[in-house]
Amino acid sequence: MQTSQAKNPWLWVPSLYFGQAIPYIVANNLSVVMYKDMGVSNTDIALYTSLLYLPWVIKPLWSPLVDLQGTKRGWTVSLQLVLAAALGAVGATLHLPAYFMISLAVMWVMAFASATHDISADGFYMLGLRQQQQASMVGVRSTFYRLATLAGQGPLVVLAGVLAVSLGDVRQAWAIVFFVLAGLFLALFAWHQKILPRPDVDHQAASGGNVAGSGLLEGFGKTFATFFAKRDIWLILGFILTFRLGEAQLLKLIAPFLKDPLDKGGLGLTTVQYGLAYGTIGIVALTVGGLCGGWLISRLGLKRCLWLMVFAVHLPDLVFVYLSQVQPQNFGVICGFLAIEQFGYGFGFTAMMMYMIMVADGPYKTAHYAICTGLMALGMMVPGMWSGKLQEMIGYQHFFVWTCLATIPAFIMAALVKIDPEFGKK
């Protein structure tokens, strides 16, 4: 790897992936809690917040533009400034009469900026690190992504809950949370403008430089053609699309389940309790799981770890079957079970991250990785859209049993995918 300005990856990988996670968590998780606090129905929450996945689904359509025009560094830093403005704008909409649809519209803008930021940041990660460094840093990358998840679903949710009580105004409480997030992104913009390295290869598009007109269209076509010409492409598609089939449905109903009262089948947690149980203790466990997963892959390689990780990411979904059946009221017990489920997910999901890096490897790695993550987002969006309606039809108990059954295709695909035994080892 040649760089004109080599810098320790610990200076930028943690902050880069912390920043990458925040708008994704806002659009797809924090928004669920916020709208639940504001009295929106489970059906509307699941449907409309699942539609916010769409920019991540279709981002491969413009990923070649990021690959072929400008630099990954330039895209990344500029988009962080756009995200700061969008987060502040969401906060400004929450007191409007039609706040629900207007705030969703602003989140769409934020989601498109975030999806594009993902393309450039992931491309920068692969350009700025050797393959061995990518494997060893994937745990760090995952950890700080999860720490952002912790911030987005833990302290920020607790802050919203505390402010809602002290101010007596739920909308004002959530507006303040979004203004805090806007300030955070301004800080990330300033830091990365100064600290991100400048790899020499970041100035070279796959075709040899920036292109325009017919050359750009040709680059688009070649990017997609080379991806879908990959060996065993149907196995690749099947594994990526089904890996999160159960979680896609589960994720949209976790906050409503934990916050709904007992007579509606939930656990009756307050917003502050939710932030502590799921957004803090649970995410800490998830972060530890991600670190362990990255370390194990770097030691043994992805192939040897795959089955263990597939079991780890899916079997703990049974926790929600238990919680919905028993409805325990001991807060410590609830936290303990959520920690088990989140550790398993953090440990197991590392396999999918490395699998997508493996699939994307090649001259179009930035765009191909974006296609992989877009397919994964599609596998999250479609099942999530109807999960709220399904839950309201059959209740939490039967719904969580169904989500466990929905993990079966992932086990089938794990038995079929082909992985280089040496991939991921240091």
Protein backbone atom coordinates (compact mmCIF):
# COMPACT_ATOMS: atom_id res chain seq x y z
CA MET A 1 0.00 0.00 0.00
CA GLN A 2 1.43 3.32 -1.08
CA THR A 3 0.35 6.40 0.71
CA SER A 4 1.42 9.99 0.52
CA GLN A 5 0.49 10.44 4.14
CA ALA A 6 0.56 7.23 6.21
CA LYS A 7 -1.34 7.50 9.47
CA ASN A 8 -2.08 5.05 12.23
CA PRO A 9 -5.48 3.47 11.41
CA TRP A 10 -6.43 3.80 15.09
CA LEU A 11 -6.62 7.56 14.49
CA TRP A 12 -9.35 7.29 11.85
CA VAL A 13 -10.96 3.82 11.64
CA PRO A 14 -12.78 4.15 15.01
CA SER A 15 -14.16 7.64 14.33
CA LEU A 16 -14.98 6.83 10.70
CA TYR A 17 -17.18 3.87 11.61
CA PHE A 18 -18.64 5.57 14.66
CA GLY A 19 -19.79 8.30 12.28
CA GLN A 20 -20.96 5.84 9.66
CA ALA A 21 -23.29 4.14 12.13
CA ILE A 22 -25.04 7.17 13.62
CA PRO A 23 -27.39 8.17 10.76
CA TYR A 24 -28.16 4.51 10.02
CA ILE A 25 -29.13 3.97 13.66
CA VAL A 26 -31.15 7.18 13.64
CA ALA A 27 -33.12 6.20 10.53
CA ASN A 28 -33.73 2.57 11.38
CA ASN A 29 -33.65 2.30 15.19
CA LEU A 30 -33.80 5.62 17.03
CA SER A 31 -36.72 6.73 14.87
CA VAL A 32 -38.67 3.66 16.03
CA VAL A 33 -38.30 4.64 19.69
CA MET A 34 -39.07 8.29 18.97
CA TYR A 35 -42.24 7.58 17.01
CA LYS A 36 -43.34 5.03 19.63
CA ASP A 37 -42.97 7.75 22.29
CA MET A 38 -45.12 10.03 20.13
CA GLY A 39 -47.93 7.48 19.91
CA VAL A 40 -47.50 6.22 16.32
CA SER A 41 -48.90 2.69 15.74
CA ASN A 42 -46.64 -0.37 15.37
CA THR A 43 -47.94 -0.88 11.81
CA ASP A 44 -46.98 2.65 10.71
CA ILE A 45 -43.67 2.57 12.57
CA ALA A 46 -42.58 -0.71 10.96
CA LEU A 47 -43.78 0.25 7.47
CA TYR A 48 -42.41 3.78 7.22
CA THR A 49 -39.14 3.28 9.07
CA SER A 50 -38.48 0.14 7.00
CA LEU A 51 -38.87 2.26 3.87
CA LEU A 52 -35.96 4.34 5.17
CA TYR A 53 -33.78 1.33 4.29
CA LEU A 54 -34.42 2.06 0.59
CA PRO A 55 -31.40 4.37 0.07
CA TRP A 56 -29.14 1.62 1.39
CA VAL A 57 -30.89 -0.88 -0.91
CA ILE A 58 -30.46 1.16 -4.09
CA LYS A 59 -27.11 2.77 -3.31
CA PRO A 60 -25.36 0.40 -5.76
CA LEU A 61 -27.07 2.42 -8.52
CA TRP A 62 -24.81 5.39 -7.80
CA SER A 63 -21.88 3.57 -6.18
CA PRO A 64 -19.91 3.58 -9.48
CA LEU A 65 -20.12 7.38 -9.45
CA VAL A 66 -18.30 7.42 -6.10
CA ASP A 67 -15.83 4.87 -7.47
CA LEU A 68 -15.15 6.74 -10.70
CA GLN A 69 -15.39 10.42 -9.72
CA GLY A 70 -13.40 12.33 -7.13
CA THR A 71 -11.75 10.69 -4.14
CA LYS A 72 -13.23 8.54 -1.38
CA ARG A 73 -11.73 10.94 1.14
CA GLY A 74 -13.41 13.95 -0.45
CA TRP A 75 -16.80 12.24 -0.63
CA THR A 76 -16.56 11.06 2.98
CA VAL A 77 -15.71 14.41 4.53
CA SER A 78 -18.20 16.41 2.47
CA LEU A 79 -21.09 14.07 3.25
CA GLN A 80 -20.44 14.34 6.98
CA LEU A 81 -21.19 18.05 6.72
CA VAL A 82 -24.43 17.28 4.83
CA LEU A 83 -25.41 14.79 7.54
CA ALA A 84 -24.87 17.41 10.25
CA ALA A 85 -27.32 19.72 8.48
CA ALA A 86 -29.88 16.94 7.96
CA LEU A 87 -29.84 15.85 11.60
CA GLY A 88 -30.39 19.41 12.73
CA ALA A 89 -33.26 19.75 10.26
CA VAL A 90 -35.01 16.67 11.68
CA GLY A 91 -34.98 18.26 15.12
CA ALA A 92 -36.47 21.46 13.68
CA THR A 93 -39.46 19.57 12.17
CA LEU A 94 -40.71 17.84 15.32
CA HIS A 95 -42.97 20.67 16.50
CA LEU A 96 -44.70 21.06 13.14
CA PRO A 97 -48.34 19.88 12.88
CA ALA A 98 -47.50 17.29 10.20
CA TYR A 99 -44.25 16.32 11.97
CA PHE A 100 -44.52 12.60 11.14
CA MET A 101 -44.38 12.85 7.36
CA ILE A 102 -42.17 15.94 7.30
CA SER A 103 -39.58 14.43 9.63
CA LEU A 104 -39.67 11.21 7.58
CA ALA A 105 -39.02 13.25 4.41
CA VAL A 106 -35.97 14.90 6.01
CA MET A 107 -34.78 11.49 7.20
CA TRP A 108 -34.99 10.32 3.59
CA VAL A 109 -32.53 13.06 2.63
CA MET A 110 -30.35 12.05 5.57
CA ALA A 111 -30.59 8.38 4.58
CA PHE A 112 -29.47 9.08 0.99
CA ALA A 113 -26.50 11.09 2.28
CA SER A 114 -25.69 8.35 4.78
CA ALA A 115 -25.90 5.58 2.18
CA THR A 116 -23.53 7.51 -0.09
CA HIS A 117 -21.23 8.12 2.87
CA ASP A 118 -21.19 4.36 3.48
CA ILE A 119 -19.98 3.77 -0.08
CA SER A 120 -17.12 6.22 0.23
CA ALA A 121 -16.14 5.26 3.79
CA ASP A 122 -16.11 1.53 3.04
CA GLY A 123 -14.10 2.18 -0.10
CA PHE A 124 -11.66 4.32 1.85
CA TYR A 125 -11.27 1.54 4.43
CA MET A 126 -10.33 -0.98 1.73
CA LEU A 127 -7.97 1.44 -0.02
CA GLY A 128 -6.26 2.60 3.15
CA LEU A 129 -5.54 -0.81 4.68
CA ARG A 130 -3.90 -4.02 3.49
CA GLN A 131 -6.05 -7.18 3.54
CA GLN A 132 -4.34 -8.39 6.73
CA GLN A 133 -5.02 -5.04 8.36
CA GLN A 134 -8.63 -5.18 7.17
CA ALA A 135 -9.08 -8.52 8.95
CA SER A 136 -7.36 -7.39 12.15
CA MET A 137 -9.19 -4.04 12.19
CA VAL A 138 -12.62 -5.48 11.35
CA GLY A 139 -13.21 -6.08 15.05
CA VAL A 140 -12.25 -2.46 15.81
CA ARG A 141 -14.44 -1.25 12.97
CA SER A 142 -17.32 -3.36 14.26
CA THR A 143 -16.72 -2.26 17.84
CA PHE A 144 -16.93 1.46 17.13
CA TYR A 145 -19.89 0.93 14.86
CA ARG A 146 -21.52 -0.80 17.83
CA LEU A 147 -20.43 1.95 20.20
CA ALA A 148 -22.30 4.38 17.96
CA THR A 149 -25.25 2.02 18.20
CA LEU A 150 -24.87 2.18 21.97
CA ALA A 151 -24.84 5.98 21.84
CA GLY A 152 -27.83 6.02 19.52
CA GLN A 153 -29.93 3.57 21.48
CA GLY A 154 -28.54 4.02 24.99
CA PRO A 155 -27.45 7.43 26.32
CA LEU A 156 -29.41 9.37 23.69
CA VAL A 157 -32.60 7.43 24.42
CA VAL A 158 -32.06 7.91 28.15
CA LEU A 159 -31.49 11.62 27.52
CA ALA A 160 -34.74 11.81 25.57
CA GLY A 161 -36.59 10.04 28.38
CA VAL A 162 -35.16 12.27 31.10
CA LEU A 163 -35.82 15.45 29.09
CA ALA A 164 -39.38 14.36 28.30
CA VAL A 165 -40.10 14.07 32.02
CA SER A 166 -38.31 17.26 33.07
CA LEU A 167 -39.66 19.40 30.20
CA GLY A 168 -43.05 17.75 30.00
CA ASP A 169 -42.72 17.79 26.20
CA VAL A 170 -41.77 14.63 24.29
CA ARG A 171 -41.25 16.45 21.00
CA GLN A 172 -38.94 19.06 22.51
CA ALA A 173 -36.96 16.30 24.21
CA TRP A 174 -36.37 14.51 20.91
CA ALA A 175 -35.59 17.78 19.11
CA ILE A 176 -32.76 18.42 21.57
CA VAL A 177 -31.42 14.90 20.94
CA PHE A 178 -31.25 15.61 17.20
CA PHE A 179 -29.51 18.94 17.76
CA VAL A 180 -26.89 17.09 19.84
CA LEU A 181 -26.39 14.66 16.95
CA ALA A 182 -25.96 17.54 14.51
CA GLY A 183 -23.21 18.98 16.73
CA LEU A 184 -21.52 15.57 16.87
CA PHE A 185 -21.36 15.39 13.08
CA LEU A 186 -19.90 18.86 12.83
CA ALA A 187 -17.11 17.66 15.14
CA LEU A 188 -16.56 14.49 13.06
CA PHE A 189 -16.39 16.60 9.89
CA ALA A 190 -13.68 18.82 11.39
CA TRP A 191 -11.68 15.83 12.73
CA HIS A 192 -11.72 13.82 9.50
CA GLN A 193 -10.92 16.85 7.37
CA LYS A 194 -7.69 17.05 9.34
CA ILE A 195 -6.79 13.46 10.17
CA LEU A 196 -7.82 11.14 7.31
CA PRO A 197 -4.77 9.91 5.35
CA ARG A 198 -4.43 10.46 1.61
CA PRO A 199 -3.70 7.11 -0.07
CA ASP A 200 -2.18 7.48 -3.53
CA VAL A 201 -4.61 4.88 -4.90
CA ASP A 202 -7.53 7.06 -3.77
CA HIS A 203 -6.77 9.31 -6.73
CA GLN A 204 -7.11 6.51 -9.26
CA ALA A 205 -10.48 5.26 -10.47
CA ALA A 206 -10.64 1.66 -11.64
CA SER A 207 -10.54 2.87 -15.26
CA GLY A 208 -7.44 4.95 -14.64
CA GLY A 209 -8.88 8.31 -13.62
CA ASN A 210 -12.01 10.42 -13.44
CA VAL A 211 -14.34 9.84 -16.39
CA ALA A 212 -17.39 11.50 -17.84
CA GLY A 213 -20.12 11.00 -20.41
CA SER A 214 -20.05 7.69 -22.27
CA GLY A 215 -17.01 6.60 -20.27
CA LEU A 216 -18.93 7.02 -17.02
CA LEU A 217 -21.88 5.03 -18.39
CA GLU A 218 -19.48 2.33 -19.53
CA GLY A 219 -17.97 2.29 -16.04
CA PHE A 220 -21.43 1.86 -14.50
CA GLY A 221 -22.23 -1.04 -16.78
CA LYS A 222 -18.89 -2.73 -16.24
CA THR A 223 -19.20 -2.40 -12.45
CA PHE A 224 -22.52 -4.25 -12.34
CA ALA A 225 -21.59 -6.74 -15.07
CA THR A 226 -18.44 -7.81 -13.24
CA PHE A 227 -20.31 -8.21 -9.95
CA PHE A 228 -23.08 -10.39 -11.35
CA ALA A 229 -20.52 -12.39 -13.34
CA LYS A 230 -18.82 -13.52 -10.14
CA ARG A 231 -18.51 -17.26 -9.63
CA ASP A 232 -21.40 -18.76 -7.63
CA ILE A 233 -23.29 -15.46 -7.77
CA TRP A 234 -26.61 -17.13 -6.89
CA LEU A 235 -25.11 -18.54 -3.70
CA ILE A 236 -23.69 -15.10 -2.88
CA LEU A 237 -27.09 -13.47 -3.40
CA GLY A 238 -28.90 -16.14 -1.42
CA PHE A 239 -26.57 -15.91 1.56
CA ILE A 240 -26.60 -12.10 1.75
CA LEU A 241 -30.38 -11.81 1.28
CA THR A 242 -31.35 -14.47 3.83
CA PHE A 243 -28.70 -13.96 6.51
CA ARG A 244 -30.80 -11.34 8.36
CA LEU A 245 -34.30 -12.55 7.41
CA GLY A 246 -35.32 -13.23 11.02
CA GLU A 247 -33.58 -10.18 12.43
CA ALA A 248 -35.16 -7.91 9.81
CA GLN A 249 -38.57 -8.63 11.30
CA LEU A 250 -37.41 -8.83 14.91
CA LEU A 251 -35.56 -5.52 14.88
CA LYS A 252 -38.56 -3.32 14.13
CA LEU A 253 -40.57 -4.76 17.01
CA ILE A 254 -37.97 -4.89 19.80
CA ALA A 255 -38.58 -1.32 21.01
CA PRO A 256 -42.39 -1.60 20.78
CA PHE A 257 -42.26 -4.97 22.61
CA LEU A 258 -40.05 -3.70 25.41
CA LYS A 259 -42.10 -0.49 25.81
CA ASP A 260 -45.66 -1.80 25.33
CA PRO A 261 -47.60 -2.47 28.57
CA LEU A 262 -48.13 -5.99 29.91
CA ASP A 263 -51.74 -6.14 28.80
CA LYS A 264 -50.59 -5.63 25.21
CA GLY A 265 -48.01 -8.41 25.47
CA GLY A 266 -44.99 -6.17 26.11
CA LEU A 267 -42.66 -5.72 29.07
CA GLY A 268 -43.75 -2.21 30.06
CA LEU A 269 -40.31 -0.55 30.17
CA THR A 270 -40.05 3.23 30.31
CA THR A 271 -37.98 5.08 27.71
CA VAL A 272 -35.15 5.44 30.24
CA GLN A 273 -35.28 1.72 31.12
CA TYR A 274 -35.27 0.82 27.42
CA GLY A 275 -32.19 2.98 26.88
CA LEU A 276 -30.40 1.27 29.77
CA ALA A 277 -31.44 -2.32 29.01
CA TYR A 278 -31.28 -2.56 25.24
CA GLY A 279 -29.38 0.55 24.24
CA THR A 280 -26.62 0.34 26.86
CA ILE A 281 -26.17 -3.08 28.48
CA GLY A 282 -27.30 -4.90 25.34
CA ILE A 283 -25.06 -2.89 23.03
CA VAL A 284 -22.04 -3.33 25.33
CA ALA A 285 -22.57 -7.09 25.02
CA LEU A 286 -22.93 -6.72 21.25
CA THR A 287 -19.68 -4.74 21.08
CA VAL A 288 -17.77 -7.38 23.05
CA GLY A 289 -19.21 -10.02 20.74
CA GLY A 290 -18.01 -8.08 17.68
CA LEU A 291 -14.48 -7.80 19.09
CA CYS A 292 -14.37 -11.52 19.82
CA GLY A 293 -15.66 -12.33 16.35
CA GLY A 294 -13.07 -10.19 14.60
CA TRP A 295 -10.26 -11.66 16.70
CA LEU A 296 -11.37 -15.25 15.99
CA ILE A 297 -11.60 -14.73 12.22
CA SER A 298 -8.13 -13.16 12.16
CA ARG A 299 -6.81 -16.28 13.91
CA LEU A 300 -8.72 -19.08 12.19
CA GLY A 301 -10.02 -17.57 8.96
CA LEU A 302 -13.63 -17.00 7.94
CA LYS A 303 -14.32 -20.51 6.66
CA ARG A 304 -13.53 -22.26 9.95
CA CYS A 305 -15.59 -19.73 11.93
CA LEU A 306 -18.65 -19.57 9.69
CA TRP A 307 -20.91 -22.21 11.25
CA LEU A 308 -20.16 -21.14 14.80
CA MET A 309 -21.01 -17.56 13.87
CA VAL A 310 -24.21 -18.45 12.02
CA PHE A 311 -25.43 -20.31 15.11
CA ALA A 312 -24.33 -17.45 17.38
CA VAL A 313 -26.21 -14.78 15.43
CA HIS A 314 -29.50 -16.68 15.12
CA LEU A 315 -30.07 -18.99 18.09
CA PRO A 316 -30.24 -16.19 20.69
CA ASP A 317 -33.45 -14.98 18.98
CA LEU A 318 -35.08 -17.59 21.20
CA VAL A 319 -34.56 -15.08 24.03
CA PHE A 320 -37.52 -13.07 22.74
CA VAL A 321 -39.70 -16.15 22.63
CA TYR A 322 -38.98 -16.62 26.33
CA LEU A 323 -39.45 -12.95 27.24
CA SER A 324 -42.77 -12.73 25.40
CA GLN A 325 -44.06 -15.93 27.01
CA VAL A 326 -42.99 -15.17 30.59
CA GLN A 327 -43.05 -11.34 30.58
CA PRO A 328 -40.57 -11.07 33.49
CA GLN A 329 -40.71 -7.88 35.54
CA ASN A 330 -37.27 -8.15 37.10
CA PHE A 331 -35.21 -5.52 35.29
CA GLY A 332 -31.96 -7.40 35.90
CA VAL A 333 -33.35 -10.57 34.32
CA ILE A 334 -34.51 -8.63 31.25
CA CYS A 335 -31.07 -7.00 30.90
CA GLY A 336 -29.32 -10.37 31.23
CA PHE A 337 -31.34 -12.00 28.46
CA LEU A 338 -30.90 -9.00 26.17
CA ALA A 339 -27.14 -9.12 26.78
CA ILE A 340 -27.03 -12.80 25.72
CA GLU A 341 -28.94 -12.07 22.53
CA GLN A 342 -26.81 -9.05 21.64
CA PHE A 343 -23.49 -10.79 22.33
CA GLY A 344 -24.48 -13.59 19.97
CA TYR A 345 -25.49 -11.15 17.27
CA GLY A 346 -22.32 -9.06 17.58
CA PHE A 347 -20.12 -12.18 17.47
CA GLY A 348 -21.93 -13.75 14.54
CA PHE A 349 -22.47 -10.72 12.32
CA THR A 350 -18.69 -10.33 11.95
CA ALA A 351 -18.86 -13.27 9.54
CA MET A 352 -21.18 -11.37 7.20
CA MET A 353 -18.93 -8.30 7.23
CA MET A 354 -15.88 -10.36 6.23
CA TYR A 355 -17.88 -12.35 3.68
CA MET A 356 -18.90 -9.14 1.90
CA ILE A 357 -15.29 -7.90 1.93
CA MET A 358 -14.27 -11.21 0.33
CA VAL A 359 -16.98 -10.99 -2.34
CA ALA A 360 -16.12 -7.35 -3.12
CA ASP A 361 -12.39 -7.91 -3.58
CA GLY A 362 -11.16 -6.77 -6.99
CA PRO A 363 -10.70 -3.61 -9.10
CA TYR A 364 -14.24 -2.38 -8.32
CA LYS A 365 -14.15 -3.21 -4.64
CA THR A 366 -15.82 0.02 -3.49
CA ALA A 367 -18.83 -0.35 -5.78
CA HIS A 368 -19.02 -4.12 -5.29
CA TYR A 369 -19.03 -3.76 -1.52
CA ALA A 370 -21.81 -1.20 -1.92
CA ILE A 371 -23.79 -3.71 -3.99
CA CYS A 372 -23.33 -6.30 -1.23
CA THR A 373 -24.52 -3.94 1.50
CA GLY A 374 -27.39 -2.80 -0.73
CA LEU A 375 -28.54 -6.40 -1.13
CA MET A 376 -28.27 -6.88 2.63
CA ALA A 377 -30.39 -3.76 3.16
CA LEU A 378 -32.98 -5.15 0.74
CA GLY A 379 -33.08 -8.28 2.88
CA MET A 380 -33.80 -6.01 5.86
CA MET A 381 -36.29 -3.63 4.26
CA VAL A 382 -38.86 -5.95 2.69
CA PRO A 383 -39.47 -8.27 5.68
CA GLY A 384 -39.41 -5.28 8.05
CA MET A 385 -42.13 -3.45 6.13
CA TRP A 386 -44.85 -5.93 6.99
CA SER A 387 -43.50 -7.09 10.37
CA GLY A 388 -45.54 -4.52 12.34
CA LYS A 389 -48.79 -5.57 10.69
CA LEU A 390 -47.97 -9.24 11.25
CA GLN A 391 -47.22 -8.65 14.93
CA GLU A 392 -50.49 -6.78 15.45
CA MET A 393 -52.34 -9.68 13.80
CA ILE A 394 -50.79 -12.58 15.71
CA GLY A 395 -49.39 -10.99 18.89
CA TYR A 396 -45.86 -10.83 20.26
CA GLN A 397 -45.66 -14.49 21.39
CA HIS A 398 -46.42 -16.00 17.99
CA PHE A 399 -44.50 -13.29 16.18
CA PHE A 400 -41.21 -14.10 17.92
CA VAL A 401 -41.67 -17.82 17.23
CA TRP A 402 -42.10 -16.93 13.57
CA THR A 403 -38.91 -14.83 13.52
CA CYS A 404 -36.95 -17.82 14.85
CA LEU A 405 -38.36 -20.03 12.07
CA ALA A 406 -37.38 -17.35 9.56
CA THR A 407 -33.68 -17.94 10.37
CA ILE A 408 -33.75 -21.42 8.77
CA PRO A 409 -32.86 -20.20 5.22
CA ALA A 410 -29.64 -18.66 6.59
CA PHE A 411 -28.52 -22.05 7.90
CA ILE A 412 -29.26 -23.65 4.52
CA MET A 413 -27.25 -21.02 2.64
CA ALA A 414 -24.35 -21.27 5.10
CA ALA A 415 -24.02 -24.94 4.13
CA LEU A 416 -23.75 -24.00 0.44
CA VAL A 417 -21.49 -20.93 0.25
CA LYS A 418 -17.85 -21.34 -0.77
CA ILE A 419 -15.07 -19.55 1.11
CA ASP A 420 -11.29 -19.62 0.71
CA PRO A 421 -9.92 -21.37 3.84
CA GLU A 422 -7.15 -18.78 4.12
CA PHE A 423 -9.35 -15.70 3.78
CA GLY A 424 -9.32 -13.42 6.82
CA LYS A 425 -6.28 -14.91 8.54
CA LYS A 426 -3.51 -12.60 9.61
